Amino acid sequence: MEHLDIGIDVTTVAARCGLSRSDFSRKFKVSTGYSPQAWLRLQRIEKAKHLLTDARLSLAEIGLECGFCDQAHFCRIFTRLEGITPLGWRRLAG
């Protein structure tokens, strides 16, 4: 789960695989069940859940560490995918 804080360009990854962006995206989805962007979001949320167990880190710090542009974006995506706010998840996990 390293380097999730930087953007990953699907076109660049596809080119390194010798595929067009659309072909790569299609094959990626067949292989994983997710589009590359959706898969990356899920990886970022998994990292965030791990970081949420450390009470010393603020939600803003966790969001930035996981590649979200700000705390609001992090909280919105986390809540949409997990059905609970990051703070609520932290309380339940603690």
C-alpha atoms as a PDB file:
ATOM      1  CA  MET A   1       0.000   0.000   0.000  1.00  0.00           C
ATOM      2  CA  GLU A   2       2.849   2.336  -0.677  1.00  0.00           C
ATOM      3  CA  HIS A   3       2.628   5.431  -2.858  1.00  0.00           C
ATOM      4  CA  LEU A   4      -1.170   5.697  -2.683  1.00  0.00           C
ATOM      5  CA  ASP A   5      -0.747   9.385  -1.954  1.00  0.00           C
ATOM      6  CA  ILE A   6       0.357  10.099  -5.525  1.00  0.00           C
ATOM      7  CA  GLY A   7      -1.820   9.958  -8.590  1.00  0.00           C
ATOM      8  CA  ILE A   8      -1.512   6.951 -10.843  1.00  0.00           C
ATOM      9  CA  ASP A   9      -2.061   7.638 -14.495  1.00  0.00           C
ATOM     10  CA  VAL A  10      -3.925   4.736 -16.108  1.00  0.00           C
ATOM     11  CA  THR A  11      -2.627   5.690 -19.550  1.00  0.00           C
ATOM     12  CA  THR A  12       0.970   5.364 -18.355  1.00  0.00           C
ATOM     13  CA  VAL A  13       0.317   2.006 -16.686  1.00  0.00           C
ATOM     14  CA  ALA A  14      -1.457   0.756 -19.804  1.00  0.00           C
ATOM     15  CA  ALA A  15       1.442   1.841 -22.015  1.00  0.00           C
ATOM     16  CA  ARG A  16       3.906   0.011 -19.768  1.00  0.00           C
ATOM     17  CA  CYS A  17       1.782  -3.095 -20.219  1.00  0.00           C
ATOM     18  CA  GLY A  18       1.797  -2.599 -23.976  1.00  0.00           C
ATOM     19  CA  LEU A  19      -1.949  -1.933 -24.083  1.00  0.00           C
ATOM     20  CA  SER A  20      -4.201   0.946 -24.959  1.00  0.00           C
ATOM     21  CA  ARG A  21      -5.922   2.670 -22.049  1.00  0.00           C
ATOM     22  CA  SER A  22      -9.309   1.198 -22.945  1.00  0.00           C
ATOM     23  CA  ASP A  23      -7.946  -2.322 -23.460  1.00  0.00           C
ATOM     24  CA  PHE A  24      -6.047  -2.161 -20.171  1.00  0.00           C
ATOM     25  CA  SER A  25      -9.109  -0.853 -18.308  1.00  0.00           C
ATOM     26  CA  ARG A  26     -11.323  -3.563 -19.773  1.00  0.00           C
ATOM     27  CA  LYS A  27      -8.860  -6.352 -18.923  1.00  0.00           C
ATOM     28  CA  PHE A  28      -8.219  -4.902 -15.467  1.00  0.00           C
ATOM     29  CA  LYS A  29     -11.946  -4.931 -14.713  1.00  0.00           C
ATOM     30  CA  VAL A  30     -12.315  -8.522 -15.936  1.00  0.00           C
ATOM     31  CA  SER A  31      -9.384  -9.544 -13.734  1.00  0.00           C
ATOM     32  CA  THR A  32     -10.280  -7.629 -10.541  1.00  0.00           C
ATOM     33  CA  GLY A  33     -13.974  -6.831 -10.888  1.00  0.00           C
ATOM     34  CA  TYR A  34     -13.192  -3.112 -10.607  1.00  0.00           C
ATOM     35  CA  SER A  35     -12.123  -0.313 -12.905  1.00  0.00           C
ATOM     36  CA  PRO A  36      -8.564   0.871 -12.214  1.00  0.00           C
ATOM     37  CA  GLN A  37      -9.910   4.033 -10.563  1.00  0.00           C
ATOM     38  CA  ALA A  38     -12.379   2.134  -8.352  1.00  0.00           C
ATOM     39  CA  TRP A  39      -9.676  -0.356  -7.348  1.00  0.00           C
ATOM     40  CA  LEU A  40      -7.340   2.488  -6.402  1.00  0.00           C
ATOM     41  CA  ARG A  41     -10.067   4.103  -4.276  1.00  0.00           C
ATOM     42  CA  LEU A  42     -10.596   0.809  -2.460  1.00  0.00           C
ATOM     43  CA  GLN A  43      -6.867   0.482  -1.785  1.00  0.00           C
ATOM     44  CA  ARG A  44      -6.803   4.016  -0.416  1.00  0.00           C
ATOM     45  CA  ILE A  45      -9.732   3.266   1.887  1.00  0.00           C
ATOM     46  CA  GLU A  46      -8.058   0.079   3.137  1.00  0.00           C
ATOM     47  CA  LYS A  47      -4.920   2.057   3.957  1.00  0.00           C
ATOM     48  CA  ALA A  48      -7.052   4.707   5.665  1.00  0.00           C
ATOM     49  CA  LYS A  49      -8.721   2.061   7.844  1.00  0.00           C
ATOM     50  CA  HIS A  50      -5.294   0.882   8.931  1.00  0.00           C
ATOM     51  CA  LEU A  51      -4.213   4.448   9.710  1.00  0.00           C
ATOM     52  CA  LEU A  52      -7.452   5.195  11.566  1.00  0.00           C
ATOM     53  CA  THR A  53      -6.364   2.783  14.283  1.00  0.00           C
ATOM     54  CA  ASP A  54      -3.637   5.307  15.195  1.00  0.00           C
ATOM     55  CA  ALA A  55      -5.500   7.932  17.221  1.00  0.00           C
ATOM     56  CA  ARG A  56      -2.585  10.366  16.916  1.00  0.00           C
ATOM     57  CA  LEU A  57      -3.312  11.017  13.238  1.00  0.00           C
ATOM     58  CA  SER A  58      -5.985  13.518  12.277  1.00  0.00           C
ATOM     59  CA  LEU A  59      -8.524  12.753   9.573  1.00  0.00           C
ATOM     60  CA  ALA A  60      -6.896  15.413   7.402  1.00  0.00           C
ATOM     61  CA  GLU A  61      -3.479  13.743   7.765  1.00  0.00           C
ATOM     62  CA  ILE A  62      -4.922  10.331   6.964  1.00  0.00           C
ATOM     63  CA  GLY A  63      -6.760  11.661   3.935  1.00  0.00           C
ATOM     64  CA  LEU A  64      -3.627  13.264   2.524  1.00  0.00           C
ATOM     65  CA  GLU A  65      -1.506  10.190   3.306  1.00  0.00           C
ATOM     66  CA  CYS A  66      -3.973   8.088   1.323  1.00  0.00           C
ATOM     67  CA  GLY A  67      -4.089  10.379  -1.704  1.00  0.00           C
ATOM     68  CA  PHE A  68      -7.298  12.300  -1.144  1.00  0.00           C
ATOM     69  CA  CYS A  69      -7.169  16.003  -1.970  1.00  0.00           C
ATOM     70  CA  ASP A  70      -8.569  17.090   1.409  1.00  0.00           C
ATOM     71  CA  GLN A  71     -10.374  15.869   4.517  1.00  0.00           C
ATOM     72  CA  ALA A  72     -13.837  16.506   3.084  1.00  0.00           C
ATOM     73  CA  HIS A  73     -13.110  14.415  -0.015  1.00  0.00           C
ATOM     74  CA  PHE A  74     -11.661  11.627   2.139  1.00  0.00           C
ATOM     75  CA  CYS A  75     -14.683  11.625   4.469  1.00  0.00           C
ATOM     76  CA  ARG A  76     -17.167  11.679   1.587  1.00  0.00           C
ATOM     77  CA  ILE A  77     -15.561   8.726  -0.238  1.00  0.00           C
ATOM     78  CA  PHE A  78     -14.981   6.744   2.978  1.00  0.00           C
ATOM     79  CA  THR A  79     -18.603   7.192   4.077  1.00  0.00           C
ATOM     80  CA  ARG A  80     -19.938   6.271   0.633  1.00  0.00           C
ATOM     81  CA  LEU A  81     -17.874   3.069   0.472  1.00  0.00           C
ATOM     82  CA  GLU A  82     -17.998   1.981   4.122  1.00  0.00           C
ATOM     83  CA  GLY A  83     -21.442   3.262   5.150  1.00  0.00           C
ATOM     84  CA  ILE A  84     -19.970   4.991   8.207  1.00  0.00           C
ATOM     85  CA  THR A  85     -17.871   8.112   8.704  1.00  0.00           C
ATOM     86  CA  PRO A  86     -14.129   7.716   9.288  1.00  0.00           C
ATOM     87  CA  LEU A  87     -14.562   9.022  12.832  1.00  0.00           C
ATOM     88  CA  GLY A  88     -17.379   6.539  13.465  1.00  0.00           C
ATOM     89  CA  TRP A  89     -15.233   3.736  12.056  1.00  0.00           C
ATOM     90  CA  ARG A  90     -12.338   4.800  14.293  1.00  0.00           C
ATOM     91  CA  ARG A  91     -14.580   4.686  17.362  1.00  0.00           C
ATOM     92  CA  LEU A  92     -15.862   1.197  16.500  1.00  0.00           C
ATOM     93  CA  ALA A  93     -12.367  -0.091  15.720  1.00  0.00           C
ATOM     94  CA  GLY A  94     -10.875   1.320  18.904  1.00  0.00           C
END
